[in-house]
N, C-alpha and C. Protein backbone atom coordinates (compact mmCIF):
# COMPACT_ATOMS: atom_id res chain seq x y z
N MET A 1 118.41 132.27 91.63
CA MET A 1 118.02 132.46 90.24
C MET A 1 119.21 132.96 89.43
N ASN A 2 119.30 132.49 88.20
CA ASN A 2 120.40 132.90 87.33
C ASN A 2 120.26 134.35 86.89
N ASP A 3 121.38 135.00 86.77
CA ASP A 3 121.42 136.36 86.23
C ASP A 3 121.08 136.28 84.74
N PRO A 4 120.08 137.05 84.26
CA PRO A 4 119.70 136.96 82.85
C PRO A 4 120.86 137.22 81.89
N LYS A 5 121.86 138.00 82.32
CA LYS A 5 123.01 138.26 81.46
C LYS A 5 123.90 137.03 81.33
N ASN A 6 123.75 136.10 82.25
CA ASN A 6 124.60 134.92 82.25
C ASN A 6 123.85 133.63 81.97
N CYS A 7 122.58 133.74 81.54
CA CYS A 7 121.85 132.52 81.24
C CYS A 7 121.11 132.66 79.91
N LEU A 8 120.84 131.53 79.31
CA LEU A 8 120.17 131.48 78.02
C LEU A 8 119.38 130.19 77.99
N PHE A 9 118.09 130.29 77.69
CA PHE A 9 117.22 129.12 77.68
C PHE A 9 117.24 128.39 79.02
N GLY A 10 117.47 129.14 80.11
CA GLY A 10 117.49 128.54 81.43
C GLY A 10 118.80 127.86 81.78
N ASP A 11 119.77 127.92 80.91
CA ASP A 11 121.08 127.30 81.15
C ASP A 11 122.14 128.38 81.28
N GLU A 12 123.24 128.02 81.90
CA GLU A 12 124.36 128.94 81.93
C GLU A 12 124.87 129.11 80.50
N ILE A 13 125.20 130.33 80.15
CA ILE A 13 125.59 130.63 78.77
C ILE A 13 126.72 129.72 78.28
N GLN A 14 127.69 129.49 79.10
CA GLN A 14 128.84 128.70 78.66
C GLN A 14 128.48 127.24 78.37
N ARG A 15 127.31 126.79 78.81
CA ARG A 15 126.89 125.41 78.52
C ARG A 15 126.12 125.31 77.20
N ILE A 16 125.78 126.44 76.63
CA ILE A 16 125.04 126.47 75.37
C ILE A 16 126.06 126.46 74.23
N PRO A 17 125.82 125.66 73.18
CA PRO A 17 126.77 125.66 72.05
C PRO A 17 126.96 127.08 71.49
N GLN A 18 128.17 127.36 71.08
CA GLN A 18 128.50 128.68 70.54
C GLN A 18 127.57 129.07 69.40
N GLU A 19 127.21 128.10 68.56
CA GLU A 19 126.36 128.39 67.41
C GLU A 19 125.00 128.95 67.85
N LEU A 20 124.43 128.38 68.91
CA LEU A 20 123.15 128.88 69.43
C LEU A 20 123.32 130.26 70.06
N ARG A 21 124.45 130.47 70.71
CA ARG A 21 124.70 131.78 71.31
C ARG A 21 124.83 132.85 70.23
N ILE A 22 125.44 132.49 69.10
CA ILE A 22 125.55 133.44 67.98
C ILE A 22 124.16 133.76 67.43
N ILE A 23 123.34 132.73 67.21
CA ILE A 23 121.99 132.94 66.69
C ILE A 23 121.19 133.80 67.66
N PHE A 24 121.24 133.46 68.94
CA PHE A 24 120.50 134.22 69.95
C PHE A 24 121.01 135.66 70.02
N GLY A 25 122.33 135.84 69.97
CA GLY A 25 122.90 137.19 70.00
C GLY A 25 122.44 138.02 68.82
N ASN A 26 122.37 137.41 67.65
CA ASN A 26 121.87 138.11 66.46
C ASN A 26 120.41 138.51 66.64
N PHE A 27 119.63 137.60 67.21
CA PHE A 27 118.21 137.86 67.47
C PHE A 27 118.05 139.05 68.43
N VAL A 28 118.79 139.02 69.53
CA VAL A 28 118.71 140.09 70.53
C VAL A 28 119.16 141.43 69.92
N LEU A 29 120.27 141.40 69.18
CA LEU A 29 120.78 142.61 68.55
C LEU A 29 119.77 143.19 67.56
N THR A 30 119.21 142.34 66.72
CA THR A 30 118.23 142.81 65.73
C THR A 30 117.04 143.47 66.41
N HIS A 31 116.52 142.85 67.45
CA HIS A 31 115.37 143.43 68.14
C HIS A 31 115.73 144.73 68.87
N ALA A 32 116.92 144.78 69.46
CA ALA A 32 117.35 146.01 70.13
C ALA A 32 117.49 147.15 69.12
N LEU A 33 118.07 146.85 67.97
CA LEU A 33 118.22 147.88 66.93
C LEU A 33 116.87 148.36 66.43
N GLU A 34 115.97 147.41 66.15
CA GLU A 34 114.63 147.78 65.66
C GLU A 34 113.92 148.68 66.67
N GLU A 35 114.04 148.34 67.95
CA GLU A 35 113.38 149.13 68.99
C GLU A 35 113.95 150.55 69.05
N ARG A 36 115.27 150.66 69.09
CA ARG A 36 115.90 151.98 69.18
C ARG A 36 115.64 152.82 67.94
N ILE A 37 115.75 152.21 66.77
CA ILE A 37 115.48 152.94 65.53
C ILE A 37 114.02 153.35 65.49
N GLY A 38 113.14 152.46 65.92
CA GLY A 38 111.71 152.76 65.95
C GLY A 38 111.40 153.94 66.85
N ASP A 39 112.07 154.00 68.01
CA ASP A 39 111.85 155.12 68.93
C ASP A 39 112.16 156.45 68.26
N VAL A 40 113.25 156.50 67.51
CA VAL A 40 113.64 157.73 66.83
C VAL A 40 112.74 157.98 65.63
N GLN A 41 112.51 156.95 64.84
CA GLN A 41 111.75 157.12 63.60
C GLN A 41 110.27 157.36 63.83
N ASP A 42 109.73 156.95 64.96
CA ASP A 42 108.33 157.25 65.25
C ASP A 42 108.11 158.76 65.24
N ARG A 43 109.12 159.49 65.71
CA ARG A 43 109.02 160.95 65.69
C ARG A 43 109.07 161.48 64.26
N GLU A 44 109.71 160.72 63.36
CA GLU A 44 109.81 161.13 61.96
C GLU A 44 108.63 160.62 61.14
N GLN A 45 107.73 159.91 61.79
CA GLN A 45 106.53 159.39 61.13
C GLN A 45 106.82 158.32 60.09
N LEU A 46 107.83 157.49 60.31
CA LEU A 46 108.10 156.35 59.44
C LEU A 46 107.86 155.08 60.22
N THR A 47 107.05 154.19 59.66
CA THR A 47 106.79 152.91 60.32
C THR A 47 107.94 151.95 60.04
N LYS A 48 107.96 150.85 60.77
CA LYS A 48 108.98 149.83 60.56
C LYS A 48 108.94 149.34 59.11
N SER A 49 107.76 149.08 58.59
CA SER A 49 107.63 148.60 57.20
C SER A 49 108.13 149.63 56.21
N GLU A 50 107.85 150.90 56.47
CA GLU A 50 108.34 151.96 55.59
C GLU A 50 109.86 152.05 55.63
N ARG A 51 110.43 151.91 56.82
CA ARG A 51 111.90 151.94 56.95
C ARG A 51 112.52 150.78 56.17
N HIS A 52 111.94 149.59 56.30
CA HIS A 52 112.48 148.43 55.60
C HIS A 52 112.43 148.64 54.09
N MET A 53 111.33 149.22 53.60
CA MET A 53 111.22 149.45 52.17
C MET A 53 112.25 150.48 51.71
N LEU A 54 112.44 151.55 52.46
CA LEU A 54 113.44 152.55 52.09
C LEU A 54 114.83 151.93 51.99
N ILE A 55 115.19 151.13 52.97
CA ILE A 55 116.51 150.50 52.97
C ILE A 55 116.66 149.60 51.74
N ASN A 56 115.60 148.88 51.37
CA ASN A 56 115.66 147.95 50.24
C ASN A 56 115.58 148.63 48.88
N LEU A 57 115.39 149.93 48.86
CA LEU A 57 115.27 150.64 47.59
C LEU A 57 116.55 151.39 47.21
N GLY A 58 117.69 150.78 47.45
CA GLY A 58 118.94 151.38 46.99
C GLY A 58 118.96 151.50 45.47
N ILE A 59 118.27 150.60 44.81
CA ILE A 59 118.05 150.65 43.36
C ILE A 59 116.55 150.45 43.14
N PRO A 60 116.02 150.89 42.00
CA PRO A 60 114.59 150.65 41.75
C PRO A 60 114.27 149.15 41.78
N ARG A 61 113.11 148.82 42.33
CA ARG A 61 112.69 147.42 42.43
C ARG A 61 111.26 147.28 41.96
N ARG A 62 111.01 146.15 41.30
CA ARG A 62 109.62 145.82 40.96
C ARG A 62 108.85 145.57 42.24
N MET A 63 107.58 145.87 42.19
CA MET A 63 106.74 145.72 43.39
C MET A 63 106.68 144.27 43.83
N GLY A 64 106.56 143.34 42.88
CA GLY A 64 106.53 141.92 43.23
C GLY A 64 107.83 141.47 43.88
N GLN A 65 108.94 141.97 43.36
CA GLN A 65 110.24 141.64 43.95
C GLN A 65 110.36 142.22 45.35
N MET A 66 109.83 143.42 45.54
CA MET A 66 109.87 144.04 46.86
C MET A 66 109.08 143.20 47.86
N ALA A 67 107.96 142.63 47.43
CA ALA A 67 107.18 141.76 48.32
C ALA A 67 108.03 140.58 48.76
N GLU A 68 108.78 139.99 47.83
CA GLU A 68 109.67 138.88 48.20
C GLU A 68 110.78 139.36 49.13
N ASP A 69 111.38 140.50 48.81
CA ASP A 69 112.47 141.03 49.62
C ASP A 69 112.04 141.29 51.06
N LEU A 70 110.82 141.78 51.22
CA LEU A 70 110.31 142.10 52.55
C LEU A 70 109.56 140.94 53.18
N ASN A 71 109.48 139.82 52.44
CA ASN A 71 108.79 138.63 52.94
C ASN A 71 107.36 138.97 53.36
N THR A 72 106.65 139.62 52.43
CA THR A 72 105.28 140.04 52.72
C THR A 72 104.42 139.90 51.47
N LEU A 73 103.16 140.17 51.61
CA LEU A 73 102.22 140.07 50.50
C LEU A 73 102.34 141.28 49.57
N PRO A 74 102.11 141.07 48.26
CA PRO A 74 102.13 142.20 47.34
C PRO A 74 101.15 143.31 47.74
N SER A 75 100.01 142.95 48.30
CA SER A 75 99.04 143.97 48.72
C SER A 75 99.62 144.85 49.83
N LYS A 76 100.45 144.28 50.69
CA LYS A 76 101.07 145.08 51.75
C LYS A 76 102.11 146.02 51.15
N VAL A 77 102.85 145.55 50.15
CA VAL A 77 103.82 146.42 49.48
C VAL A 77 103.10 147.60 48.84
N THR A 78 101.95 147.32 48.23
CA THR A 78 101.15 148.40 47.63
C THR A 78 100.75 149.42 48.69
N ALA A 79 100.31 148.94 49.84
CA ALA A 79 99.89 149.84 50.92
C ALA A 79 101.07 150.67 51.44
N ILE A 80 102.22 150.04 51.61
CA ILE A 80 103.41 150.77 52.08
C ILE A 80 103.84 151.79 51.03
N ALA A 81 103.83 151.37 49.76
CA ALA A 81 104.20 152.29 48.68
C ALA A 81 103.26 153.49 48.64
N ASP A 82 101.97 153.24 48.86
CA ASP A 82 101.00 154.35 48.90
C ASP A 82 101.39 155.37 49.97
N LEU A 83 101.75 154.88 51.15
CA LEU A 83 102.14 155.77 52.25
C LEU A 83 103.41 156.55 51.92
N LEU A 84 104.39 155.85 51.35
CA LEU A 84 105.65 156.51 51.01
C LEU A 84 105.48 157.49 49.85
N GLU A 85 104.55 157.19 48.94
CA GLU A 85 104.26 158.15 47.86
C GLU A 85 103.64 159.43 48.42
N LYS A 86 102.74 159.27 49.38
CA LYS A 86 102.11 160.45 50.00
C LYS A 86 103.15 161.32 50.71
N LYS A 87 104.20 160.68 51.21
CA LYS A 87 105.28 161.42 51.88
C LYS A 87 106.33 161.90 50.89
N GLU A 88 106.08 161.63 49.59
CA GLU A 88 106.97 162.04 48.51
C GLU A 88 108.37 161.43 48.64
N LEU A 89 108.41 160.18 49.12
CA LEU A 89 109.68 159.47 49.27
C LEU A 89 109.93 158.47 48.14
N VAL A 90 108.86 157.97 47.51
CA VAL A 90 108.99 157.04 46.38
C VAL A 90 108.02 157.44 45.28
N ILE A 91 108.33 156.97 44.08
CA ILE A 91 107.38 157.08 42.97
C ILE A 91 107.27 155.71 42.32
N ARG A 92 106.10 155.46 41.75
CA ARG A 92 105.87 154.25 40.96
C ARG A 92 106.07 154.62 39.50
N GLU A 93 106.76 153.74 38.81
CA GLU A 93 106.97 153.96 37.38
C GLU A 93 106.99 152.62 36.67
N ARG A 94 106.76 152.66 35.38
CA ARG A 94 106.82 151.44 34.59
C ARG A 94 108.26 150.92 34.56
N ASP A 95 108.39 149.61 34.64
CA ASP A 95 109.70 148.98 34.54
C ASP A 95 110.16 149.11 33.09
N PRO A 96 111.32 149.72 32.84
CA PRO A 96 111.76 149.90 31.45
C PRO A 96 112.03 148.57 30.74
N ASP A 97 112.29 147.50 31.50
CA ASP A 97 112.53 146.19 30.90
C ASP A 97 111.25 145.41 30.61
N ASP A 98 110.16 145.79 31.25
CA ASP A 98 108.87 145.13 31.06
C ASP A 98 107.78 146.15 31.36
N ARG A 99 107.28 146.78 30.33
CA ARG A 99 106.32 147.87 30.49
C ARG A 99 105.03 147.44 31.18
N ARG A 100 104.79 146.13 31.31
CA ARG A 100 103.59 145.67 32.02
C ARG A 100 103.76 145.78 33.54
N ALA A 101 105.01 145.77 33.98
CA ALA A 101 105.30 145.75 35.43
C ALA A 101 105.58 147.16 35.95
N TRP A 102 105.29 147.34 37.24
CA TRP A 102 105.57 148.59 37.94
C TRP A 102 106.77 148.40 38.85
N GLN A 103 107.54 149.45 38.98
CA GLN A 103 108.65 149.43 39.93
C GLN A 103 108.58 150.67 40.81
N LEU A 104 109.26 150.55 41.94
CA LEU A 104 109.36 151.67 42.88
C LEU A 104 110.75 152.26 42.78
N ARG A 105 110.81 153.57 42.87
CA ARG A 105 112.09 154.27 42.84
C ARG A 105 112.03 155.37 43.88
N LEU A 106 113.15 155.58 44.56
CA LEU A 106 113.23 156.67 45.54
C LEU A 106 113.25 158.02 44.82
N THR A 107 112.56 158.97 45.40
CA THR A 107 112.66 160.36 44.94
C THR A 107 113.94 160.93 45.55
N GLU A 108 114.27 162.15 45.19
CA GLU A 108 115.44 162.80 45.80
C GLU A 108 115.24 162.89 47.32
N ARG A 109 114.03 163.23 47.72
CA ARG A 109 113.71 163.30 49.15
C ARG A 109 113.82 161.91 49.79
N GLY A 110 113.41 160.88 49.07
CA GLY A 110 113.51 159.50 49.56
C GLY A 110 114.95 159.05 49.69
N GLN A 111 115.79 159.45 48.74
CA GLN A 111 117.21 159.11 48.82
C GLN A 111 117.84 159.76 50.05
N GLN A 112 117.46 161.00 50.33
CA GLN A 112 117.97 161.69 51.52
C GLN A 112 117.49 160.99 52.79
N ALA A 113 116.22 160.59 52.82
CA ALA A 113 115.68 159.89 53.99
C ALA A 113 116.40 158.56 54.19
N ARG A 114 116.70 157.86 53.10
CA ARG A 114 117.41 156.58 53.18
C ARG A 114 118.83 156.79 53.72
N THR A 115 119.51 157.81 53.21
CA THR A 115 120.86 158.13 53.68
C THR A 115 120.85 158.43 55.18
N GLU A 116 119.88 159.22 55.62
CA GLU A 116 119.77 159.56 57.05
C GLU A 116 119.44 158.32 57.88
N LEU A 117 118.59 157.44 57.36
CA LEU A 117 118.23 156.22 58.08
C LEU A 117 119.44 155.30 58.23
N ILE A 118 120.25 155.19 57.18
CA ILE A 118 121.46 154.37 57.26
C ILE A 118 122.42 154.95 58.29
N ALA A 119 122.62 156.27 58.28
CA ALA A 119 123.52 156.91 59.26
C ALA A 119 123.01 156.69 60.68
N LEU A 120 121.70 156.81 60.86
CA LEU A 120 121.10 156.57 62.17
C LEU A 120 121.33 155.13 62.62
N THR A 121 121.15 154.20 61.70
CA THR A 121 121.33 152.78 62.02
C THR A 121 122.77 152.50 62.44
N VAL A 122 123.72 153.09 61.72
CA VAL A 122 125.14 152.91 62.06
C VAL A 122 125.41 153.43 63.47
N LYS A 123 124.92 154.62 63.78
CA LYS A 123 125.13 155.22 65.11
C LYS A 123 124.50 154.36 66.20
N ILE A 124 123.27 153.93 65.97
CA ILE A 124 122.59 153.12 66.97
C ILE A 124 123.28 151.77 67.13
N PHE A 125 123.76 151.18 66.03
CA PHE A 125 124.50 149.92 66.11
C PHE A 125 125.71 150.09 67.01
N GLN A 126 126.46 151.17 66.81
CA GLN A 126 127.64 151.43 67.63
C GLN A 126 127.27 151.57 69.10
N ASP A 127 126.19 152.31 69.37
CA ASP A 127 125.75 152.52 70.75
C ASP A 127 125.26 151.23 71.40
N VAL A 128 124.43 150.47 70.67
CA VAL A 128 123.83 149.26 71.23
C VAL A 128 124.87 148.18 71.48
N THR A 129 125.81 148.02 70.55
CA THR A 129 126.78 146.92 70.70
C THR A 129 127.91 147.27 71.65
N GLY A 130 128.27 148.55 71.74
CA GLY A 130 129.41 148.91 72.57
C GLY A 130 130.73 148.42 72.01
N LEU A 131 130.74 148.02 70.73
CA LEU A 131 131.96 147.52 70.11
C LEU A 131 132.83 148.67 69.63
N SER A 132 134.13 148.44 69.65
CA SER A 132 135.06 149.42 69.10
C SER A 132 135.01 149.36 67.58
N SER A 133 135.59 150.35 66.92
CA SER A 133 135.59 150.33 65.45
C SER A 133 136.36 149.12 64.92
N THR A 134 137.42 148.71 65.61
CA THR A 134 138.17 147.52 65.20
C THR A 134 137.32 146.27 65.36
N GLU A 135 136.59 146.17 66.47
CA GLU A 135 135.72 145.01 66.68
C GLU A 135 134.59 144.97 65.64
N ILE A 136 134.07 146.13 65.28
CA ILE A 136 133.03 146.19 64.25
C ILE A 136 133.61 145.73 62.91
N GLU A 137 134.82 146.16 62.59
CA GLU A 137 135.48 145.71 61.35
C GLU A 137 135.65 144.20 61.35
N ASP A 138 136.10 143.64 62.49
CA ASP A 138 136.29 142.19 62.60
C ASP A 138 134.97 141.44 62.45
N LEU A 139 133.94 141.92 63.13
CA LEU A 139 132.62 141.29 63.05
C LEU A 139 132.08 141.38 61.63
N SER A 140 132.26 142.53 61.00
CA SER A 140 131.80 142.71 59.62
C SER A 140 132.49 141.73 58.68
N ALA A 141 133.79 141.56 58.85
CA ALA A 141 134.53 140.62 58.00
C ALA A 141 134.02 139.19 58.20
N LEU A 142 133.77 138.82 59.45
CA LEU A 142 133.23 137.48 59.71
C LEU A 142 131.85 137.31 59.10
N MET A 143 130.99 138.32 59.24
CA MET A 143 129.64 138.22 58.68
C MET A 143 129.67 138.22 57.15
N ASP A 144 130.63 138.93 56.55
CA ASP A 144 130.79 138.89 55.10
C ASP A 144 131.13 137.46 54.65
N ARG A 145 132.00 136.79 55.40
CA ARG A 145 132.35 135.40 55.08
C ARG A 145 131.15 134.49 55.23
N VAL A 146 130.39 134.66 56.30
CA VAL A 146 129.19 133.85 56.52
C VAL A 146 128.21 134.07 55.37
N THR A 147 127.97 135.33 55.04
CA THR A 147 127.03 135.66 53.96
C THR A 147 127.47 135.04 52.64
N ALA A 148 128.74 135.19 52.30
CA ALA A 148 129.25 134.62 51.05
C ALA A 148 129.09 133.11 51.02
N HIS A 149 129.38 132.46 52.14
CA HIS A 149 129.26 131.00 52.20
C HIS A 149 127.80 130.56 52.03
N VAL A 150 126.89 131.24 52.70
CA VAL A 150 125.47 130.91 52.57
C VAL A 150 125.00 131.12 51.13
N LEU A 151 125.42 132.22 50.52
CA LEU A 151 124.95 132.56 49.18
C LEU A 151 125.59 131.73 48.07
N GLU A 152 126.68 131.01 48.39
CA GLU A 152 127.30 130.13 47.40
C GLU A 152 126.31 129.08 46.89
N THR A 153 125.38 128.71 47.73
CA THR A 153 124.39 127.70 47.34
C THR A 153 123.12 128.33 46.80
N GLY A 154 123.11 129.64 46.65
CA GLY A 154 121.94 130.35 46.14
C GLY A 154 121.28 131.12 47.26
N PHE A 155 120.43 132.05 46.86
CA PHE A 155 119.73 132.86 47.85
C PHE A 155 118.74 132.02 48.63
N PRO A 156 118.62 132.26 49.93
CA PRO A 156 117.54 131.62 50.68
C PRO A 156 116.20 132.01 50.06
N LYS A 157 115.23 131.12 50.17
CA LYS A 157 113.92 131.34 49.56
C LYS A 157 113.36 132.71 49.97
N GLY A 158 112.90 133.45 48.98
CA GLY A 158 112.28 134.74 49.23
C GLY A 158 113.26 135.87 49.46
N MET A 159 114.55 135.64 49.20
CA MET A 159 115.54 136.69 49.45
C MET A 159 116.26 137.06 48.17
N THR A 160 116.44 138.34 47.97
CA THR A 160 117.26 138.85 46.88
C THR A 160 118.15 139.95 47.43
N LEU A 161 119.14 140.31 46.69
CA LEU A 161 120.00 141.45 47.08
C LEU A 161 119.93 142.50 46.01
C-alpha cells in the first residue's frame, strides 16, 4: 500500500500534475488551519462562522455584502451578527451612504478579538506549514501574484475584498 504522504488520489504524488498538487495542498492546509484554530477558539467560545465574520470585518460591511463575502444566506449573517452582538464584538448601525441599509462594525472589544485571531492564525500557519520565514515570504509573493492575476478579470462570483 502507498504511504499516504507519498500518494494523492491513489497515485504517486510525482505522477499528479503540479497544478492539482497545489490545489490539493491548499485544500489540506486550509482544513488543517481551520481545525487547529477551531481547537483553540472553541475554548474562547467563537464558532467558525463567527471567526470568519470577525476576519471579514476589517472595515464596516453591509449585512447583504457580508452574506456574499461569507458565501451564505442573509438570514445566517443575521444569526451570526446576533451572537457577536451578544458577545459585544459587533454593533449594527445604519449605513451612512444608504440609511435604509444596515452595516456591521467591530466594537473596540471586537477589534481586539480580531487582532488576536489574526495573530493566532499567523502562529498556527507557521506551526502547521513548518516553513521558514523566507519560505513564507516567497509563498506569499507567489500567492499575491496569483491573486492579482485572478482579480484582473474581476472578482469571482460572490467574492469581495
